[in-house]
Amino acid sequence: MATQKKIITKPTKPSQPIPSKQIPEKPSFDFAFERINYIWMLIGIALLALGYILLIGGGSKNPDVFNESLFDAQRLIVSPILMVCGIFVEIYAILLKPKKNKEQETKE
């Protein structure tokens, strides 16, 4: 019968020493927007909410009686203007690119 030869190799030393204690790096969280963008978004949401709140109200207790408050300037003019302004503020908040610091410009 044929015998098999066992090949024994010595483990090689790594070229770089492995440090005994590695300090894990904290993961950096990058948000989609900067702080100023979120502030503008909250302002836009507040304008939209105020527009919707001004749109509410003026109902009649008796459904058989017509209530003229349906055609108030608050509902027909002010509220839609606030809501459109809120939408424009939201678009501005999304498209706003914050100014870079001088330190960040030199790194890039």
N, C-alpha and C. Protein backbone atom coordinates (compact mmCIF):
# COMPACT_ATOMS: atom_id res chain seq x y z
N MET A 1 0.82 -1.17 0.00
CA MET A 1 0.00 0.00 0.00
C MET A 1 0.87 1.23 0.00
N ALA A 2 0.31 2.28 -0.58
CA ALA A 2 1.06 3.53 -0.64
C ALA A 2 0.84 4.30 0.64
N THR A 3 1.88 4.92 1.10
CA THR A 3 1.78 5.71 2.32
C THR A 3 1.72 7.18 1.96
N GLN A 4 0.97 7.90 2.72
CA GLN A 4 0.84 9.34 2.47
C GLN A 4 1.84 10.08 3.34
N LYS A 5 2.47 11.07 2.73
CA LYS A 5 3.43 11.88 3.47
C LYS A 5 2.71 13.06 4.10
N LYS A 6 2.99 13.34 5.33
CA LYS A 6 2.41 14.48 6.01
C LYS A 6 3.36 15.65 5.86
N ILE A 7 2.82 16.76 5.40
CA ILE A 7 3.62 17.96 5.24
C ILE A 7 3.28 18.90 6.39
N ILE A 8 4.28 19.23 7.14
CA ILE A 8 4.09 20.11 8.29
C ILE A 8 4.78 21.43 7.97
N THR A 9 4.01 22.51 8.07
CA THR A 9 4.57 23.83 7.82
C THR A 9 4.50 24.64 9.09
N LYS A 10 5.46 25.50 9.26
CA LYS A 10 5.49 26.37 10.42
C LYS A 10 4.65 27.61 10.13
N PRO A 11 3.90 28.05 11.11
CA PRO A 11 3.13 29.28 10.87
C PRO A 11 4.08 30.45 10.64
N THR A 12 3.72 31.27 9.67
CA THR A 12 4.55 32.43 9.36
C THR A 12 4.15 33.58 10.26
N LYS A 13 5.11 34.42 10.55
CA LYS A 13 4.86 35.58 11.37
C LYS A 13 4.26 36.69 10.53
N PRO A 14 3.27 37.38 11.07
CA PRO A 14 2.70 38.49 10.28
C PRO A 14 3.73 39.60 10.12
N SER A 15 3.65 40.27 8.99
CA SER A 15 4.61 41.33 8.71
C SER A 15 4.42 42.53 9.63
N GLN A 16 3.20 42.76 10.08
CA GLN A 16 2.94 43.87 10.98
C GLN A 16 2.42 43.31 12.31
N PRO A 17 2.89 43.84 13.40
CA PRO A 17 2.42 43.32 14.69
C PRO A 17 0.94 43.67 14.90
N ILE A 18 0.24 42.76 15.51
CA ILE A 18 -1.18 42.97 15.81
C ILE A 18 -1.26 43.62 17.17
N PRO A 19 -1.88 44.80 17.26
CA PRO A 19 -1.97 45.45 18.58
C PRO A 19 -2.87 44.65 19.50
N SER A 20 -2.50 44.64 20.76
CA SER A 20 -3.25 43.85 21.72
C SER A 20 -4.62 44.47 22.02
N LYS A 21 -4.67 45.80 22.07
CA LYS A 21 -5.94 46.47 22.33
C LYS A 21 -6.20 47.48 21.22
N GLN A 22 -7.27 47.27 20.51
CA GLN A 22 -7.67 48.22 19.50
C GLN A 22 -8.85 49.02 20.03
N ILE A 23 -8.74 50.32 19.94
CA ILE A 23 -9.82 51.18 20.39
C ILE A 23 -10.82 51.29 19.24
N PRO A 24 -12.03 50.80 19.45
CA PRO A 24 -13.01 50.90 18.37
C PRO A 24 -13.39 52.36 18.11
N GLU A 25 -13.46 52.71 16.85
CA GLU A 25 -13.83 54.08 16.49
C GLU A 25 -15.34 54.23 16.60
N LYS A 26 -15.73 55.37 17.10
CA LYS A 26 -17.17 55.64 17.19
C LYS A 26 -17.69 55.92 15.78
N PRO A 27 -18.81 55.31 15.45
CA PRO A 27 -19.35 55.57 14.11
C PRO A 27 -19.85 57.01 14.02
N SER A 28 -19.57 57.64 12.94
CA SER A 28 -20.04 59.02 12.76
C SER A 28 -21.37 58.99 12.02
N PHE A 29 -22.32 59.69 12.58
CA PHE A 29 -23.65 59.75 11.98
C PHE A 29 -23.77 61.03 11.17
N ASP A 30 -24.01 60.88 9.91
CA ASP A 30 -24.21 62.04 9.05
C ASP A 30 -25.70 62.16 8.75
N PHE A 31 -26.24 63.30 9.11
CA PHE A 31 -27.65 63.55 8.83
C PHE A 31 -27.79 64.02 7.39
N ALA A 32 -28.98 63.91 6.87
CA ALA A 32 -29.21 64.31 5.49
C ALA A 32 -29.08 65.82 5.33
N PHE A 33 -29.44 66.58 6.36
CA PHE A 33 -29.40 68.03 6.30
C PHE A 33 -28.64 68.57 7.50
N GLU A 34 -28.33 69.85 7.41
CA GLU A 34 -27.69 70.53 8.53
C GLU A 34 -28.77 71.07 9.48
N ARG A 35 -28.32 71.63 10.58
CA ARG A 35 -29.25 72.14 11.60
C ARG A 35 -30.14 73.25 11.05
N ILE A 36 -29.57 74.14 10.27
CA ILE A 36 -30.35 75.26 9.73
C ILE A 36 -31.45 74.77 8.80
N ASN A 37 -31.21 73.66 8.09
CA ASN A 37 -32.25 73.10 7.22
C ASN A 37 -33.45 72.63 8.04
N TYR A 38 -33.16 71.97 9.16
CA TYR A 38 -34.25 71.48 10.00
C TYR A 38 -35.02 72.63 10.64
N ILE A 39 -34.34 73.71 10.97
CA ILE A 39 -35.04 74.88 11.52
C ILE A 39 -35.99 75.45 10.48
N TRP A 40 -35.53 75.60 9.24
CA TRP A 40 -36.41 76.11 8.17
C TRP A 40 -37.57 75.14 7.92
N MET A 41 -37.32 73.84 8.02
CA MET A 41 -38.40 72.87 7.82
C MET A 41 -39.47 73.01 8.91
N LEU A 42 -39.04 73.23 10.15
CA LEU A 42 -40.01 73.42 11.23
C LEU A 42 -40.82 74.70 11.03
N ILE A 43 -40.18 75.75 10.51
CA ILE A 43 -40.91 76.99 10.22
C ILE A 43 -41.95 76.74 9.13
N GLY A 44 -41.57 75.98 8.10
CA GLY A 44 -42.51 75.65 7.03
C GLY A 44 -43.68 74.82 7.53
N ILE A 45 -43.39 73.86 8.40
CA ILE A 45 -44.47 73.03 8.96
C ILE A 45 -45.39 73.88 9.82
N ALA A 46 -44.82 74.83 10.56
CA ALA A 46 -45.65 75.71 11.40
C ALA A 46 -46.56 76.58 10.52
N LEU A 47 -46.03 77.08 9.40
CA LEU A 47 -46.88 77.88 8.49
C LEU A 47 -47.99 77.03 7.89
N LEU A 48 -47.67 75.80 7.52
CA LEU A 48 -48.71 74.92 6.97
C LEU A 48 -49.77 74.61 8.03
N ALA A 49 -49.34 74.33 9.25
CA ALA A 49 -50.30 74.02 10.31
C ALA A 49 -51.19 75.23 10.61
N LEU A 50 -50.58 76.42 10.65
CA LEU A 50 -51.37 77.62 10.89
C LEU A 50 -52.38 77.85 9.77
N GLY A 51 -51.97 77.59 8.54
CA GLY A 51 -52.90 77.73 7.41
C GLY A 51 -54.08 76.79 7.52
N TYR A 52 -53.81 75.54 7.91
CA TYR A 52 -54.90 74.58 8.07
C TYR A 52 -55.80 74.94 9.25
N ILE A 53 -55.21 75.46 10.32
CA ILE A 53 -56.02 75.85 11.48
C ILE A 53 -56.94 77.01 11.13
N LEU A 54 -56.43 77.97 10.35
CA LEU A 54 -57.28 79.10 9.94
C LEU A 54 -58.37 78.66 8.97
N LEU A 55 -58.18 77.55 8.31
CA LEU A 55 -59.18 77.04 7.37
C LEU A 55 -60.36 76.40 8.09
N ILE A 56 -60.14 76.01 9.33
CA ILE A 56 -61.18 75.33 10.11
C ILE A 56 -62.13 76.37 10.72
N GLY A 57 -63.34 75.94 11.00
CA GLY A 57 -64.25 76.77 11.79
C GLY A 57 -65.34 77.41 10.95
N GLY A 58 -66.23 78.08 11.67
CA GLY A 58 -67.32 78.80 11.01
C GLY A 58 -68.50 77.94 10.65
N GLY A 59 -68.59 76.78 11.24
CA GLY A 59 -69.71 75.91 10.94
C GLY A 59 -71.00 76.40 11.58
N SER A 60 -72.09 75.97 11.05
CA SER A 60 -73.39 76.37 11.57
C SER A 60 -73.93 75.26 12.47
N LYS A 61 -74.60 75.66 13.54
CA LYS A 61 -75.19 74.67 14.42
C LYS A 61 -76.43 74.04 13.79
N ASN A 62 -77.13 74.83 13.01
CA ASN A 62 -78.32 74.34 12.34
C ASN A 62 -77.98 74.14 10.86
N PRO A 63 -78.06 72.92 10.33
CA PRO A 63 -77.69 72.69 8.94
C PRO A 63 -78.65 73.33 7.93
N ASP A 64 -79.83 73.75 8.39
CA ASP A 64 -80.79 74.39 7.48
C ASP A 64 -80.51 75.87 7.28
N VAL A 65 -79.63 76.44 8.10
CA VAL A 65 -79.34 77.88 8.03
C VAL A 65 -77.99 78.06 7.35
N PHE A 66 -77.94 78.94 6.36
CA PHE A 66 -76.69 79.23 5.65
C PHE A 66 -75.85 80.19 6.48
N ASN A 67 -74.56 79.88 6.60
CA ASN A 67 -73.65 80.70 7.38
C ASN A 67 -72.71 81.44 6.44
N GLU A 68 -72.70 82.76 6.53
CA GLU A 68 -71.87 83.59 5.64
C GLU A 68 -70.37 83.51 5.96
N SER A 69 -70.01 82.96 7.11
CA SER A 69 -68.60 82.90 7.47
C SER A 69 -67.82 81.91 6.59
N LEU A 70 -68.54 81.19 5.76
CA LEU A 70 -67.89 80.29 4.82
C LEU A 70 -67.04 81.09 3.83
N PHE A 71 -67.44 82.30 3.51
CA PHE A 71 -66.73 83.13 2.53
C PHE A 71 -65.93 84.24 3.20
N ASP A 72 -65.40 83.98 4.38
CA ASP A 72 -64.55 84.93 5.07
C ASP A 72 -63.22 85.11 4.34
N ALA A 73 -62.62 86.28 4.54
CA ALA A 73 -61.29 86.52 3.96
C ALA A 73 -60.26 85.61 4.62
N GLN A 74 -60.51 85.23 5.87
CA GLN A 74 -59.59 84.33 6.57
C GLN A 74 -59.48 83.00 5.84
N ARG A 75 -60.59 82.49 5.37
CA ARG A 75 -60.60 81.19 4.70
C ARG A 75 -60.21 81.28 3.23
N LEU A 76 -60.62 82.35 2.57
CA LEU A 76 -60.39 82.44 1.12
C LEU A 76 -59.06 83.07 0.74
N ILE A 77 -58.47 83.88 1.61
CA ILE A 77 -57.25 84.60 1.24
C ILE A 77 -56.08 84.26 2.16
N VAL A 78 -56.26 84.47 3.45
CA VAL A 78 -55.15 84.35 4.40
C VAL A 78 -54.65 82.91 4.51
N SER A 79 -55.57 81.98 4.70
CA SER A 79 -55.18 80.60 4.89
C SER A 79 -54.45 80.00 3.68
N PRO A 80 -54.96 80.17 2.46
CA PRO A 80 -54.22 79.62 1.31
C PRO A 80 -52.85 80.29 1.11
N ILE A 81 -52.75 81.58 1.41
CA ILE A 81 -51.46 82.26 1.27
C ILE A 81 -50.45 81.67 2.26
N LEU A 82 -50.88 81.44 3.50
CA LEU A 82 -49.99 80.84 4.49
C LEU A 82 -49.57 79.43 4.09
N MET A 83 -50.48 78.67 3.53
CA MET A 83 -50.15 77.30 3.14
C MET A 83 -49.18 77.28 1.96
N VAL A 84 -49.35 78.16 1.00
CA VAL A 84 -48.42 78.23 -0.13
C VAL A 84 -47.05 78.72 0.35
N CYS A 85 -47.03 79.68 1.26
CA CYS A 85 -45.76 80.14 1.82
C CYS A 85 -45.07 79.01 2.58
N GLY A 86 -45.83 78.20 3.29
CA GLY A 86 -45.26 77.05 3.99
C GLY A 86 -44.64 76.06 3.04
N ILE A 87 -45.28 75.83 1.89
CA ILE A 87 -44.71 74.92 0.89
C ILE A 87 -43.42 75.50 0.32
N PHE A 88 -43.40 76.81 0.04
CA PHE A 88 -42.18 77.43 -0.48
C PHE A 88 -41.05 77.39 0.55
N VAL A 89 -41.37 77.56 1.81
CA VAL A 89 -40.34 77.48 2.86
C VAL A 89 -39.80 76.05 2.94
N GLU A 90 -40.65 75.05 2.79
CA GLU A 90 -40.20 73.67 2.79
C GLU A 90 -39.26 73.39 1.61
N ILE A 91 -39.59 73.88 0.45
CA ILE A 91 -38.73 73.71 -0.72
C ILE A 91 -37.39 74.41 -0.49
N TYR A 92 -37.43 75.61 0.06
CA TYR A 92 -36.20 76.35 0.36
C TYR A 92 -35.35 75.58 1.37
N ALA A 93 -36.00 74.98 2.38
CA ALA A 93 -35.26 74.25 3.41
C ALA A 93 -34.57 73.02 2.82
N ILE A 94 -35.19 72.39 1.85
CA ILE A 94 -34.59 71.21 1.23
C ILE A 94 -33.44 71.61 0.32
N LEU A 95 -33.59 72.69 -0.40
CA LEU A 95 -32.57 73.10 -1.37
C LEU A 95 -31.44 73.93 -0.75
N LEU A 96 -31.61 74.39 0.49
CA LEU A 96 -30.60 75.23 1.13
C LEU A 96 -29.32 74.46 1.36
N LYS A 97 -28.22 75.01 0.88
CA LYS A 97 -26.91 74.41 1.11
C LYS A 97 -26.17 75.31 2.08
N PRO A 98 -25.87 74.82 3.28
CA PRO A 98 -25.25 75.68 4.28
C PRO A 98 -23.84 76.11 3.87
N LYS A 99 -23.44 77.28 4.37
CA LYS A 99 -22.12 77.81 4.06
C LYS A 99 -21.07 76.96 4.75
N LYS A 100 -19.95 76.74 4.05
CA LYS A 100 -18.86 75.95 4.62
C LYS A 100 -17.96 76.85 5.45
N ASN A 101 -17.41 76.28 6.51
CA ASN A 101 -16.43 77.01 7.31
C ASN A 101 -15.11 77.06 6.57
N LYS A 102 -14.26 78.01 6.93
CA LYS A 102 -12.96 78.12 6.29
C LYS A 102 -12.11 76.88 6.55
N GLU A 103 -12.28 76.25 7.73
CA GLU A 103 -11.53 75.04 8.05
C GLU A 103 -11.91 73.89 7.13
N GLN A 104 -13.21 73.78 6.84
CA GLN A 104 -13.67 72.70 5.97
C GLN A 104 -13.22 72.91 4.54
N GLU A 105 -13.14 74.17 4.10
CA GLU A 105 -12.72 74.45 2.73
C GLU A 105 -11.26 74.08 2.51
N THR A 106 -10.42 74.31 3.53
CA THR A 106 -9.00 74.01 3.37
C THR A 106 -8.74 72.51 3.39
N LYS A 107 -9.57 71.74 4.06
CA LYS A 107 -9.40 70.28 4.09
C LYS A 107 -9.72 69.66 2.75
N GLU A 108 -10.68 70.23 2.04
CA GLU A 108 -11.11 69.66 0.78
C GLU A 108 -10.26 70.08 -0.32
